[in-house]
Amino acid sequence: MFRLEENRPGAEMDLALAMLRAWLAAESIPERRAERAWLKKISPICLPMIESALRADNAAIHCPE
């Protein structure tokens, strides 16, 4: 999330992959209820950040300065 906030190239994909890996790990072990609860709280924050960064990247590609 910090890399995305700093507008680092590729940060949106890195965050998306990290979230996906976290979901897979949390689902694979039943004792990881705390991780699942955290992911349910953080995902609604991360997903709009990723989408916004992707839209900004697409806008920059289609409308170069």
C-alpha atoms as a PDB file:
ATOM      1  CA  MET A   1       0.000   0.000   0.000  1.00  0.00           C
ATOM      2  CA  PHE A   2       2.839   2.380   0.815  1.00  0.00           C
ATOM      3  CA  ARG A   3       4.467   1.770  -2.571  1.00  0.00           C
ATOM      4  CA  LEU A   4       1.142   2.479  -4.266  1.00  0.00           C
ATOM      5  CA  GLU A   5       0.696   5.688  -2.273  1.00  0.00           C
ATOM      6  CA  GLU A   6       4.166   6.758  -3.419  1.00  0.00           C
ATOM      7  CA  ASN A   7       3.165   6.134  -7.070  1.00  0.00           C
ATOM      8  CA  ARG A   8       5.901   3.589  -7.613  1.00  0.00           C
ATOM      9  CA  PRO A   9       5.687   1.818 -10.979  1.00  0.00           C
ATOM     10  CA  GLY A  10       4.042  -1.604 -10.776  1.00  0.00           C
ATOM     11  CA  ALA A  11       2.891  -1.110  -7.189  1.00  0.00           C
ATOM     12  CA  GLU A  12      -0.756  -1.818  -8.039  1.00  0.00           C
ATOM     13  CA  MET A  13       0.119  -5.262  -9.392  1.00  0.00           C
ATOM     14  CA  ASP A  14       2.390  -5.969  -6.431  1.00  0.00           C
ATOM     15  CA  LEU A  15      -0.401  -5.076  -4.005  1.00  0.00           C
ATOM     16  CA  ALA A  16      -2.962  -7.143  -5.907  1.00  0.00           C
ATOM     17  CA  LEU A  17      -0.643 -10.166  -5.896  1.00  0.00           C
ATOM     18  CA  ALA A  18       0.143  -9.740  -2.204  1.00  0.00           C
ATOM     19  CA  MET A  19      -3.570  -9.622  -1.392  1.00  0.00           C
ATOM     20  CA  LEU A  20      -4.268 -12.699  -3.489  1.00  0.00           C
ATOM     21  CA  ARG A  21      -1.449 -14.606  -1.799  1.00  0.00           C
ATOM     22  CA  ALA A  22      -2.752 -13.526   1.611  1.00  0.00           C
ATOM     23  CA  TRP A  23      -6.274 -14.733   0.792  1.00  0.00           C
ATOM     24  CA  LEU A  24      -4.950 -18.077  -0.413  1.00  0.00           C
ATOM     25  CA  ALA A  25      -2.820 -18.509   2.695  1.00  0.00           C
ATOM     26  CA  ALA A  26      -5.652 -17.498   5.031  1.00  0.00           C
ATOM     27  CA  GLU A  27      -8.037 -19.932   3.359  1.00  0.00           C
ATOM     28  CA  SER A  28      -5.608 -22.855   3.426  1.00  0.00           C
ATOM     29  CA  ILE A  29      -5.328 -23.029   7.220  1.00  0.00           C
ATOM     30  CA  PRO A  30      -8.563 -22.916   9.260  1.00  0.00           C
ATOM     31  CA  GLU A  31      -6.780 -21.469  12.298  1.00  0.00           C
ATOM     32  CA  ARG A  32      -6.104 -18.239  10.396  1.00  0.00           C
ATOM     33  CA  ARG A  33      -9.373 -16.562  11.282  1.00  0.00           C
ATOM     34  CA  ALA A  34      -7.575 -13.422  12.447  1.00  0.00           C
ATOM     35  CA  GLU A  35      -5.886 -13.037   9.061  1.00  0.00           C
ATOM     36  CA  ARG A  36      -9.209 -13.477   7.278  1.00  0.00           C
ATOM     37  CA  ALA A  37     -10.814 -10.825   9.469  1.00  0.00           C
ATOM     38  CA  TRP A  38      -7.946  -8.435   8.718  1.00  0.00           C
ATOM     39  CA  LEU A  39      -8.205  -9.120   4.973  1.00  0.00           C
ATOM     40  CA  LYS A  40     -11.943  -8.419   5.060  1.00  0.00           C
ATOM     41  CA  LYS A  41     -11.190  -5.034   6.629  1.00  0.00           C
ATOM     42  CA  ILE A  42      -8.279  -4.075   4.376  1.00  0.00           C
ATOM     43  CA  SER A  43      -9.577  -5.334   1.017  1.00  0.00           C
ATOM     44  CA  PRO A  44     -12.242  -2.628   0.661  1.00  0.00           C
ATOM     45  CA  ILE A  45      -9.439  -0.092   1.079  1.00  0.00           C
ATOM     46  CA  CYS A  46      -6.882  -1.754  -1.198  1.00  0.00           C
ATOM     47  CA  LEU A  47      -9.122  -2.579  -4.133  1.00  0.00           C
ATOM     48  CA  PRO A  48     -10.177   1.027  -4.860  1.00  0.00           C
ATOM     49  CA  MET A  49      -6.528   2.094  -4.509  1.00  0.00           C
ATOM     50  CA  ILE A  50      -5.489  -0.486  -7.102  1.00  0.00           C
ATOM     51  CA  GLU A  51      -8.318   0.477  -9.455  1.00  0.00           C
ATOM     52  CA  SER A  52      -7.521   4.170  -9.117  1.00  0.00           C
ATOM     53  CA  ALA A  53      -3.842   3.596  -9.847  1.00  0.00           C
ATOM     54  CA  LEU A  54      -4.699   1.514 -12.902  1.00  0.00           C
ATOM     55  CA  ARG A  55      -7.074   4.213 -14.193  1.00  0.00           C
ATOM     56  CA  ALA A  56      -4.386   6.846 -13.693  1.00  0.00           C
ATOM     57  CA  ASP A  57      -1.855   4.699 -15.567  1.00  0.00           C
ATOM     58  CA  ASN A  58      -4.320   4.148 -18.419  1.00  0.00           C
ATOM     59  CA  ALA A  59      -5.111   7.855 -18.597  1.00  0.00           C
ATOM     60  CA  ALA A  60      -1.393   8.670 -18.780  1.00  0.00           C
ATOM     61  CA  ILE A  61      -0.948   6.174 -21.618  1.00  0.00           C
ATOM     62  CA  HIS A  62      -3.886   7.532 -23.610  1.00  0.00           C
ATOM     63  CA  CYS A  63      -3.199  11.194 -22.912  1.00  0.00           C
ATOM     64  CA  PRO A  64       0.575  11.691 -22.765  1.00  0.00           C
ATOM     65  CA  GLU A  65       1.765  15.033 -21.471  1.00  0.00           C
END
